[in-house]
N, C-alpha and C. Protein backbone atom coordinates (compact mmCIF):
# COMPACT_ATOMS: atom_id res chain seq x y z
N MET A 1 0.88 -1.34 0.08
CA MET A 1 0.08 0.24 0.05
C MET A 1 0.87 1.04 -0.03
N THR A 2 0.32 2.13 -0.72
CA THR A 2 1.22 3.54 -0.73
C THR A 2 1.11 4.31 0.47
N ARG A 3 2.29 5.04 0.94
CA ARG A 3 1.88 5.66 2.10
C ARG A 3 1.08 6.82 1.76
N PRO A 4 0.11 7.18 2.55
CA PRO A 4 -0.63 8.54 2.27
C PRO A 4 0.17 9.52 2.69
N ILE A 5 0.18 10.77 1.97
CA ILE A 5 0.47 12.26 2.22
C ILE A 5 0.25 12.57 3.56
N THR A 6 -0.71 12.33 4.02
CA THR A 6 -1.25 12.82 5.31
C THR A 6 -0.41 12.07 6.23
N ALA A 7 0.39 11.01 6.07
CA ALA A 7 1.08 10.40 7.27
C ALA A 7 2.40 11.20 7.48
N LEU A 8 2.62 11.94 6.78
CA LEU A 8 3.66 12.98 7.25
C LEU A 8 3.64 13.88 8.21
N GLY A 9 2.38 14.22 8.64
CA GLY A 9 2.07 15.05 9.74
C GLY A 9 0.52 15.20 9.87
N PRO A 10 0.00 15.96 10.97
CA PRO A 10 -1.37 16.28 11.11
C PRO A 10 -1.53 17.72 10.12
N VAL A 11 -2.80 17.86 9.90
CA VAL A 11 -3.10 19.38 9.37
C VAL A 11 -2.90 20.38 10.13
N GLY A 12 -2.17 21.34 9.86
CA GLY A 12 -1.70 22.39 10.68
C GLY A 12 -2.45 23.49 10.24
N GLN A 13 -3.04 23.69 9.16
CA GLN A 13 -3.48 25.13 8.44
C GLN A 13 -4.62 24.70 7.66
N LEU A 14 -5.47 25.54 7.70
CA LEU A 14 -6.50 25.63 6.69
C LEU A 14 -6.47 26.91 5.95
N ALA A 15 -6.63 26.98 4.81
CA ALA A 15 -6.23 27.82 3.86
C ALA A 15 -7.38 28.29 3.05
N TYR A 16 -7.81 29.76 2.96
CA TYR A 16 -8.70 30.29 2.23
C TYR A 16 -8.41 31.37 1.08
N LEU A 17 -8.94 31.41 0.06
CA LEU A 17 -8.77 32.46 -1.10
C LEU A 17 -10.01 33.12 -1.32
N PRO A 18 -10.30 34.15 -0.32
CA PRO A 18 -11.46 35.01 -0.39
C PRO A 18 -11.58 35.93 -1.51
N GLN A 19 -12.80 35.97 -2.22
CA GLN A 19 -12.81 37.29 -3.16
C GLN A 19 -12.77 38.53 -2.30
N ASP A 20 -13.26 38.50 -1.24
CA ASP A 20 -13.46 39.70 -0.66
C ASP A 20 -12.43 39.49 0.71
N PHE A 21 -11.30 39.84 0.74
CA PHE A 21 -10.33 39.66 1.76
C PHE A 21 -10.92 40.34 3.04
N ASP A 22 -11.00 41.61 2.99
CA ASP A 22 -11.64 42.17 4.29
C ASP A 22 -12.82 41.48 4.85
N ALA A 23 -13.59 41.14 4.22
CA ALA A 23 -14.92 40.48 4.53
C ALA A 23 -14.68 39.22 5.41
N ALA A 24 -13.34 38.44 4.46
CA ALA A 24 -13.11 37.08 5.35
C ALA A 24 -12.52 37.63 6.47
N VAL A 25 -11.70 38.45 6.77
CA VAL A 25 -11.23 38.85 8.10
C VAL A 25 -12.47 38.98 8.99
N LYS A 26 -13.35 39.98 8.48
CA LYS A 26 -14.58 40.37 9.58
C LYS A 26 -15.08 39.01 9.74
N TYR A 27 -15.51 38.26 8.95
CA TYR A 27 -16.25 36.97 9.33
C TYR A 27 -15.43 36.29 10.49
N TRP A 28 -14.23 35.89 10.09
CA TRP A 28 -13.26 34.89 10.90
C TRP A 28 -13.21 35.47 12.46
N THR A 29 -13.00 37.16 12.38
CA THR A 29 -12.93 37.62 13.59
C THR A 29 -14.13 37.80 14.55
N GLU A 30 -15.33 38.36 13.70
CA GLU A 30 -16.32 38.72 14.30
C GLU A 30 -17.34 37.33 14.56
N THR A 31 -17.51 36.87 13.62
CA THR A 31 -18.75 35.63 13.81
C THR A 31 -17.90 34.51 14.34
N MET A 32 -16.77 34.11 13.97
CA MET A 32 -15.90 32.81 14.54
C MET A 32 -15.31 33.10 15.76
N GLY A 33 -14.71 34.34 15.60
CA GLY A 33 -13.92 34.69 17.07
C GLY A 33 -12.56 34.35 17.03
N VAL A 34 -11.87 33.95 15.99
CA VAL A 34 -10.69 33.82 15.57
C VAL A 34 -9.65 35.03 15.46
N GLY A 35 -8.59 35.10 15.98
CA GLY A 35 -7.82 36.08 15.77
C GLY A 35 -6.79 36.34 16.90
N PRO A 36 -6.19 37.50 16.81
CA PRO A 36 -5.89 38.32 15.76
C PRO A 36 -5.40 37.59 14.60
N PHE A 37 -5.49 38.31 13.39
CA PHE A 37 -4.88 37.88 12.24
C PHE A 37 -3.61 38.70 12.06
N TYR A 38 -2.65 38.16 11.52
CA TYR A 38 -1.26 38.63 11.36
C TYR A 38 -0.92 38.86 9.92
N LEU A 39 -0.81 40.08 9.10
CA LEU A 39 -0.83 40.49 7.81
C LEU A 39 0.74 40.26 7.42
N MET A 40 1.18 39.49 6.54
CA MET A 40 2.37 39.69 5.66
C MET A 40 2.17 39.90 4.15
N GLU A 41 2.55 41.16 4.05
CA GLU A 41 2.27 41.65 2.30
C GLU A 41 3.24 41.18 1.60
N ASN A 42 2.77 40.99 0.31
CA ASN A 42 3.90 41.10 -0.98
C ASN A 42 4.84 39.78 -0.80
N VAL A 43 4.43 38.90 -0.38
CA VAL A 43 4.95 37.46 -0.22
C VAL A 43 5.49 36.77 -1.55
N ALA A 44 6.78 36.78 -1.80
CA ALA A 44 7.22 35.88 -2.97
C ALA A 44 8.20 34.89 -2.74
N LEU A 45 7.94 33.54 -3.16
CA LEU A 45 8.79 32.40 -2.98
C LEU A 45 9.83 32.64 -3.57
N GLY A 46 11.14 32.21 -3.16
CA GLY A 46 12.33 32.10 -3.76
C GLY A 46 12.28 31.19 -4.65
N GLU A 47 12.91 31.30 -5.83
CA GLU A 47 13.00 30.20 -6.99
C GLU A 47 11.62 29.53 -7.25
N ALA A 48 10.74 30.41 -7.26
CA ALA A 48 9.16 29.93 -7.38
C ALA A 48 9.03 29.38 -8.76
N LYS A 49 8.32 28.22 -8.83
CA LYS A 49 7.89 27.64 -9.85
C LYS A 49 6.57 27.34 -9.91
N TYR A 50 5.74 27.34 -11.02
CA TYR A 50 4.23 26.82 -11.09
C TYR A 50 4.13 25.86 -12.00
N LYS A 51 3.98 24.23 -11.71
CA LYS A 51 3.97 23.39 -12.81
C LYS A 51 5.40 23.67 -13.73
N GLY A 52 6.21 23.49 -12.76
CA GLY A 52 7.74 23.48 -13.30
C GLY A 52 8.16 24.67 -14.08
N VAL A 53 7.53 25.78 -14.17
CA VAL A 53 7.93 26.93 -15.02
C VAL A 53 7.93 28.11 -13.88
N PRO A 54 9.12 28.90 -13.90
CA PRO A 54 9.41 30.09 -12.98
C PRO A 54 8.23 31.07 -13.22
N THR A 55 7.75 31.72 -12.04
CA THR A 55 6.93 32.55 -12.00
C THR A 55 7.22 33.62 -11.03
N GLY A 56 6.67 34.56 -11.16
CA GLY A 56 6.76 35.92 -10.26
C GLY A 56 5.55 36.21 -9.53
N ALA A 57 4.69 35.16 -9.10
CA ALA A 57 3.72 35.22 -8.11
C ALA A 57 4.08 36.01 -6.89
N VAL A 58 3.21 37.23 -6.55
CA VAL A 58 3.18 37.63 -5.20
C VAL A 58 1.87 37.64 -4.72
N PHE A 59 1.80 37.45 -3.46
CA PHE A 59 0.64 37.23 -2.58
C PHE A 59 0.82 37.71 -1.06
N SER A 60 -0.39 38.10 -0.69
CA SER A 60 -0.47 38.49 0.80
C SER A 60 -1.11 37.58 1.78
N ILE A 61 -0.79 37.61 3.04
CA ILE A 61 -1.40 36.15 3.99
C ILE A 61 -1.71 36.93 4.99
N ALA A 62 -2.92 36.50 5.47
CA ALA A 62 -3.03 36.91 7.01
C ALA A 62 -3.31 35.51 7.78
N ILE A 63 -2.63 35.34 8.87
CA ILE A 63 -2.68 33.96 9.87
C ILE A 63 -3.09 34.34 11.13
N ALA A 64 -4.09 33.50 11.42
CA ALA A 64 -4.53 33.50 13.25
C ALA A 64 -4.62 32.18 13.32
N TYR A 65 -4.88 31.92 14.56
CA TYR A 65 -5.02 30.61 15.21
C TYR A 65 -6.12 30.28 15.80
N TRP A 66 -6.60 29.08 15.38
CA TRP A 66 -8.08 28.60 15.75
C TRP A 66 -7.68 27.60 16.84
N GLY A 67 -7.59 27.62 18.01
CA GLY A 67 -7.04 26.42 19.11
C GLY A 67 -5.48 26.18 18.34
N ASP A 68 -5.26 24.78 17.91
CA ASP A 68 -4.00 24.41 17.43
C ASP A 68 -4.09 24.78 15.74
N VAL A 69 -4.80 25.05 15.27
CA VAL A 69 -4.87 24.90 13.94
C VAL A 69 -4.82 26.59 13.15
N GLN A 70 -3.90 26.83 12.47
CA GLN A 70 -3.80 28.19 11.82
C GLN A 70 -4.91 28.21 10.84
N ILE A 71 -5.61 29.51 10.63
CA ILE A 71 -6.43 29.88 9.69
C ILE A 71 -5.44 30.99 8.66
N GLU A 72 -5.37 30.63 7.42
CA GLU A 72 -4.95 31.31 6.71
C GLU A 72 -5.75 31.80 5.55
N LEU A 73 -5.82 33.46 5.33
CA LEU A 73 -6.38 34.14 4.46
C LEU A 73 -5.23 34.70 3.11
N ILE A 74 -5.68 34.45 2.16
CA ILE A 74 -4.66 34.87 1.01
C ILE A 74 -5.20 35.79 -0.07
N ARG A 75 -4.35 36.86 -0.18
CA ARG A 75 -5.07 37.77 -1.31
C ARG A 75 -3.95 37.70 -2.39
N PRO A 76 -4.22 37.33 -3.69
CA PRO A 76 -2.97 37.48 -4.76
C PRO A 76 -2.78 39.01 -4.91
N GLU A 77 -1.49 39.35 -5.21
CA GLU A 77 -1.36 40.61 -5.45
C GLU A 77 -0.91 40.87 -7.01
N ASN A 78 -0.72 39.88 -7.65
CA ASN A 78 -0.67 39.86 -9.32
C ASN A 78 -1.47 38.74 -9.98
N ARG A 79 -1.04 38.82 -11.17
CA ARG A 79 -1.74 37.73 -12.00
C ARG A 79 -0.89 36.75 -12.53
N GLU A 80 0.37 36.66 -11.77
CA GLU A 80 1.23 35.83 -12.49
C GLU A 80 0.71 34.19 -11.93
N PRO A 81 1.26 33.32 -13.03
CA PRO A 81 0.55 31.84 -13.03
C PRO A 81 0.98 31.30 -11.39
N SER A 82 -0.02 30.95 -10.93
CA SER A 82 -0.03 30.48 -9.58
C SER A 82 -1.24 29.53 -9.09
N ILE A 83 -1.41 29.20 -7.83
CA ILE A 83 -2.54 28.25 -7.35
C ILE A 83 -3.52 29.18 -7.11
N TYR A 84 -3.23 30.54 -7.18
CA TYR A 84 -4.11 31.65 -6.76
C TYR A 84 -4.93 32.47 -7.97
N SER A 85 -4.49 31.92 -9.02
CA SER A 85 -4.99 32.50 -10.19
C SER A 85 -5.29 31.23 -11.28
N GLY A 86 -6.29 31.19 -12.15
CA GLY A 86 -6.52 30.12 -13.03
C GLY A 86 -7.08 29.16 -12.37
N GLU A 87 -6.95 27.78 -12.95
CA GLU A 87 -7.89 26.76 -12.64
C GLU A 87 -7.82 26.33 -11.22
N TYR A 88 -6.77 26.69 -10.33
CA TYR A 88 -6.54 26.28 -9.08
C TYR A 88 -7.02 27.29 -7.98
N ALA A 89 -7.54 28.43 -8.48
CA ALA A 89 -8.25 29.60 -7.80
C ALA A 89 -9.60 29.37 -7.20
N VAL A 90 -9.54 28.33 -6.44
CA VAL A 90 -11.02 28.11 -5.67
C VAL A 90 -11.31 29.07 -4.62
N THR A 91 -12.19 30.01 -4.77
CA THR A 91 -12.52 31.11 -3.75
C THR A 91 -13.58 30.64 -2.94
N ASP A 92 -13.74 31.46 -1.73
CA ASP A 92 -14.54 31.40 -0.93
C ASP A 92 -15.15 30.13 -0.38
N GLN A 93 -14.16 29.13 -0.30
CA GLN A 93 -14.28 27.74 0.41
C GLN A 93 -12.86 27.47 0.50
N LEU A 94 -12.72 26.12 1.31
CA LEU A 94 -11.32 25.82 1.66
C LEU A 94 -10.38 25.50 0.26
N HIS A 95 -9.43 26.18 0.09
CA HIS A 95 -8.57 26.28 -0.78
C HIS A 95 -7.46 25.26 -0.84
N HIS A 96 -6.75 25.05 0.16
CA HIS A 96 -5.70 23.85 0.79
C HIS A 96 -5.65 23.84 2.03
N ILE A 97 -4.99 22.85 2.49
CA ILE A 97 -4.50 22.42 3.70
C ILE A 97 -3.18 22.56 3.73
N CYS A 98 -2.57 22.59 4.81
CA CYS A 98 -1.07 22.71 4.97
C CYS A 98 -0.61 21.74 6.18
N ILE A 99 0.51 20.87 5.73
CA ILE A 99 1.17 19.88 6.81
C ILE A 99 2.43 20.38 6.98
N PHE A 100 2.93 20.98 7.94
CA PHE A 100 4.27 21.08 8.38
C PHE A 100 5.26 19.96 8.67
N VAL A 101 6.24 19.95 7.68
CA VAL A 101 7.21 18.79 7.69
C VAL A 101 8.51 19.16 8.31
N ASP A 102 9.16 18.06 8.59
CA ASP A 102 10.37 17.98 9.03
C ASP A 102 11.71 18.16 7.91
N SER A 103 11.16 17.67 6.72
CA SER A 103 11.88 17.31 5.56
C SER A 103 11.13 17.35 4.27
N ILE A 104 11.55 18.51 3.34
CA ILE A 104 10.66 18.34 2.21
C ILE A 104 11.17 17.45 1.37
N ALA A 105 12.29 17.08 1.51
CA ALA A 105 12.59 15.69 0.66
C ALA A 105 11.93 14.43 0.90
N GLU A 106 11.52 14.39 2.30
CA GLU A 106 10.70 13.00 2.27
C GLU A 106 9.21 13.46 1.93
N ALA A 107 8.98 14.74 2.08
CA ALA A 107 7.58 14.99 1.39
C ALA A 107 7.41 15.07 0.09
N ARG A 108 8.46 15.60 -0.78
CA ARG A 108 8.58 14.92 -2.13
C ARG A 108 8.51 13.70 -2.40
N ALA A 109 9.26 12.64 -1.71
CA ALA A 109 9.21 11.31 -1.89
C ALA A 109 7.88 10.72 -1.82
N ALA A 110 7.31 11.15 -0.50
CA ALA A 110 6.02 10.75 -0.46
C ALA A 110 4.78 11.02 -1.49
N CYS A 111 4.90 12.46 -1.98
CA CYS A 111 4.07 12.70 -3.09
C CYS A 111 4.36 12.00 -4.39
N ALA A 112 5.57 11.82 -4.84
CA ALA A 112 5.86 10.94 -5.87
C ALA A 112 5.25 9.64 -5.87
N GLU A 113 5.49 9.03 -4.72
CA GLU A 113 4.80 7.55 -4.34
C GLU A 113 3.36 7.58 -4.60
N ALA A 114 2.85 8.68 -3.86
CA ALA A 114 1.35 8.77 -4.25
C ALA A 114 0.86 9.18 -5.58
N GLY A 115 1.67 9.55 -6.41
CA GLY A 115 1.51 10.19 -7.75
C GLY A 115 0.74 11.46 -7.87
N ALA A 116 1.13 12.23 -6.78
CA ALA A 116 0.57 13.60 -6.79
C ALA A 116 1.47 14.35 -7.64
N GLU A 117 0.74 15.33 -8.20
CA GLU A 117 1.44 16.37 -9.13
C GLU A 117 1.87 17.70 -8.06
N ILE A 118 3.36 18.07 -8.36
CA ILE A 118 3.43 19.18 -7.83
C ILE A 118 3.16 20.65 -8.60
N LEU A 119 2.32 21.42 -8.05
CA LEU A 119 1.72 22.49 -8.64
C LEU A 119 2.77 23.87 -8.35
N VAL A 120 3.25 24.01 -7.13
CA VAL A 120 3.89 25.16 -7.05
C VAL A 120 5.40 24.52 -5.97
N GLU A 121 6.31 24.91 -6.16
CA GLU A 121 7.51 24.99 -5.46
C GLU A 121 8.24 25.99 -5.26
N GLY A 122 9.00 26.12 -3.92
CA GLY A 122 9.69 27.47 -4.02
C GLY A 122 10.57 27.61 -2.52
N LYS A 123 11.40 28.30 -2.40
CA LYS A 123 12.07 28.60 -1.02
C LYS A 123 11.32 29.44 -0.32
N VAL A 124 11.37 29.19 0.97
CA VAL A 124 10.72 30.04 2.05
C VAL A 124 12.05 30.72 3.01
N GLY A 125 12.38 31.87 2.93
CA GLY A 125 13.45 32.62 3.62
C GLY A 125 14.65 31.86 2.98
N GLU A 126 15.79 31.63 4.07
CA GLU A 126 16.90 31.36 3.80
C GLU A 126 16.98 29.57 3.62
N ASP A 127 16.37 29.11 4.45
CA ASP A 127 16.38 27.54 4.54
C ASP A 127 15.07 26.75 4.67
N GLY A 128 13.90 27.65 4.38
CA GLY A 128 12.63 26.67 4.11
C GLY A 128 12.48 26.42 2.82
N GLU A 129 11.34 25.32 2.63
CA GLU A 129 10.86 25.11 1.26
C GLU A 129 9.66 24.70 1.48
N VAL A 130 8.84 24.99 0.25
CA VAL A 130 7.49 24.48 0.29
C VAL A 130 7.02 24.03 -1.08
N ILE A 131 6.21 22.90 -1.01
CA ILE A 131 5.52 22.72 -2.40
C ILE A 131 4.08 22.52 -2.01
N TYR A 132 3.23 22.77 -3.13
CA TYR A 132 2.07 22.68 -3.13
C TYR A 132 1.50 21.48 -4.31
N VAL A 133 0.74 20.47 -3.76
CA VAL A 133 0.43 19.47 -4.74
C VAL A 133 -1.12 19.17 -4.66
N ASP A 134 -1.12 18.60 -6.13
CA ASP A 134 -2.53 18.29 -6.24
C ASP A 134 -2.56 16.53 -6.17
N PRO A 135 -3.27 15.92 -5.09
CA PRO A 135 -3.06 14.52 -5.03
C PRO A 135 -3.96 13.67 -5.93
N GLY A 136 -4.49 14.50 -7.05
CA GLY A 136 -5.29 13.66 -7.78
C GLY A 136 -6.73 14.05 -7.96
N SER A 137 -7.22 15.06 -7.17
CA SER A 137 -8.73 15.34 -7.31
C SER A 137 -8.78 16.74 -7.92
N GLY A 138 -7.92 17.42 -8.09
CA GLY A 138 -8.10 18.81 -8.73
C GLY A 138 -8.13 19.93 -7.66
N PRO A 139 -8.56 20.95 -8.41
CA PRO A 139 -8.88 22.12 -7.67
C PRO A 139 -9.62 21.88 -6.26
N GLY A 140 -9.26 22.58 -5.39
CA GLY A 140 -9.93 22.31 -4.09
C GLY A 140 -9.50 21.41 -3.11
N HIS A 141 -8.69 20.63 -3.66
CA HIS A 141 -8.03 19.40 -3.02
C HIS A 141 -6.31 19.64 -2.86
N VAL A 142 -5.70 21.10 -2.87
CA VAL A 142 -4.41 20.91 -2.62
C VAL A 142 -3.79 20.71 -1.27
N ILE A 143 -2.76 20.23 -1.29
CA ILE A 143 -2.13 19.93 -0.11
C ILE A 143 -0.72 20.86 -0.14
N GLU A 144 -0.49 21.87 0.75
CA GLU A 144 0.81 22.32 1.02
C GLU A 144 1.75 21.50 2.03
N LEU A 145 2.72 21.28 1.58
CA LEU A 145 3.83 20.78 2.41
C LEU A 145 4.87 21.76 2.70
N LEU A 146 5.03 22.22 4.08
CA LEU A 146 6.08 23.23 4.45
C LEU A 146 7.02 22.79 5.26
N GLN A 147 8.26 23.04 4.82
CA GLN A 147 9.38 22.71 5.70
C GLN A 147 9.95 24.32 6.20
N ASN A 148 9.49 24.58 7.53
CA ASN A 148 9.56 26.16 7.78
C ASN A 148 10.95 26.52 7.91
N MET A 149 11.12 27.75 7.68
CA MET A 149 12.64 28.55 7.45
C MET A 149 12.80 28.72 9.05
N THR A 150 14.06 28.95 9.20
CA THR A 150 14.69 29.19 10.77
C THR A 150 13.71 30.42 11.19
N GLY A 151 13.29 30.24 12.45
CA GLY A 151 12.64 31.68 13.15
C GLY A 151 10.95 31.47 12.96
N ALA A 152 10.50 30.62 11.80
CA ALA A 152 9.16 30.68 11.53
C ALA A 152 8.22 30.15 13.02
N ASP A 153 8.97 29.05 13.52
CA ASP A 153 8.27 28.55 14.73
C ASP A 153 8.11 29.61 15.68
N ALA A 154 8.92 30.70 15.94
CA ALA A 154 8.92 31.53 17.04
C ALA A 154 7.72 32.46 16.64
N ILE A 155 7.80 32.82 15.30
CA ILE A 155 6.85 33.77 14.72
C ILE A 155 5.30 33.08 15.05
N PHE A 156 5.30 32.07 14.56
CA PHE A 156 3.79 31.21 14.53
C PHE A 156 3.44 30.93 16.18
N GLN A 157 4.38 31.01 16.96
CA GLN A 157 4.15 30.74 18.35
C GLN A 157 3.57 32.08 19.03
N MET A 158 4.09 33.20 18.49
CA MET A 158 3.81 34.40 18.84
C MET A 158 2.31 34.64 18.46
N ILE A 159 2.01 34.43 17.18
CA ILE A 159 0.69 34.42 16.77
C ILE A 159 -0.48 33.84 17.41
N LYS A 160 -0.27 32.36 17.69
CA LYS A 160 -0.82 31.35 18.47
C LYS A 160 -0.99 32.17 20.02
N ASP A 161 0.12 32.67 20.43
CA ASP A 161 -0.35 33.30 21.94
C ASP A 161 -1.07 34.40 22.01
N ALA A 162 -1.00 35.07 20.89
CA ALA A 162 -1.81 36.42 21.00
C ALA A 162 -3.44 35.93 20.77
N SER A 163 -3.62 34.80 20.40
CA SER A 163 -5.10 34.29 20.15
C SER A 163 -5.43 33.93 21.51
N VAL A 164 -4.68 33.42 22.50
CA VAL A 164 -5.31 32.97 23.46
C VAL A 164 -5.72 34.33 24.39
N ASN A 165 -7.15 34.07 24.83
CA ASN A 165 -7.67 35.19 25.42
C ASN A 165 -7.92 36.43 24.73
N TRP A 166 -7.68 36.39 23.38
CA TRP A 166 -7.98 37.52 22.46
C TRP A 166 -9.35 38.30 22.79
N ASP A 167 -8.98 39.66 23.04
CA ASP A 167 -10.22 40.62 23.36
C ASP A 167 -11.20 41.02 22.26
N GLY A 168 -10.51 40.70 20.80
CA GLY A 168 -11.17 41.09 19.77
C GLY A 168 -10.48 42.52 19.12
N SER A 169 -9.59 43.13 19.98
CA SER A 169 -9.05 44.36 19.63
C SER A 169 -8.13 44.06 18.46
N GLU A 170 -7.92 45.09 17.37
CA GLU A 170 -6.84 44.98 16.49
C GLU A 170 -6.96 43.82 15.72
N PRO A 171 -8.03 43.43 14.95
CA PRO A 171 -8.27 42.32 14.41
C PRO A 171 -7.36 41.65 13.35
N LEU A 172 -6.51 43.03 12.78
CA LEU A 172 -5.72 42.57 11.69
C LEU A 172 -4.58 43.51 11.85
N ARG A 173 -3.44 42.84 12.07
CA ARG A 173 -2.10 43.49 12.72
C ARG A 173 -1.07 43.05 11.33
N LYS A 174 -0.35 44.04 11.06
CA LYS A 174 0.76 44.00 10.32
C LYS A 174 2.09 43.38 10.79
N LEU A 175 2.57 42.69 10.03
CA LEU A 175 3.78 41.74 10.67
C LEU A 175 5.03 42.14 9.62
N GLY A 176 6.14 42.23 10.02
CA GLY A 176 7.01 42.72 9.13
C GLY A 176 6.94 43.78 8.17
């Protein structure tokens, strides 16, 4: 039996690509009580490729914690080829899940074994890497596998700590 991709670890993030980014922040913070969100603007992966071809895709993300799970809201900043434009730009529903991995090489091997197509790959910071894969079900079923860059765990912990007993103030905060 083929080792499932989810055997690499638990789901750590639910990611959404809302058509109305501000309305999504308002929904998650006011209706769901999730927050505060930390906004990272104009993110570009190093050595980014979409389906094996270099791309200059730029996006902004807002991250908050809902218990132990990250909620990520994504806003594309250009129309470069990516999973945030074209056929994989599934909006206003779950766009992808993220599994945090210790080894991107192991993640690539598990994806190859499962027959998953690598859609996006790139560098995150100096020593992190990410791949987004389609395990065979098409748009809406993308899996992100992220080997964090040095320092990311501390940033994520800071965001998680801010969610504990959050009083609803400053629902969207800029990071960086």
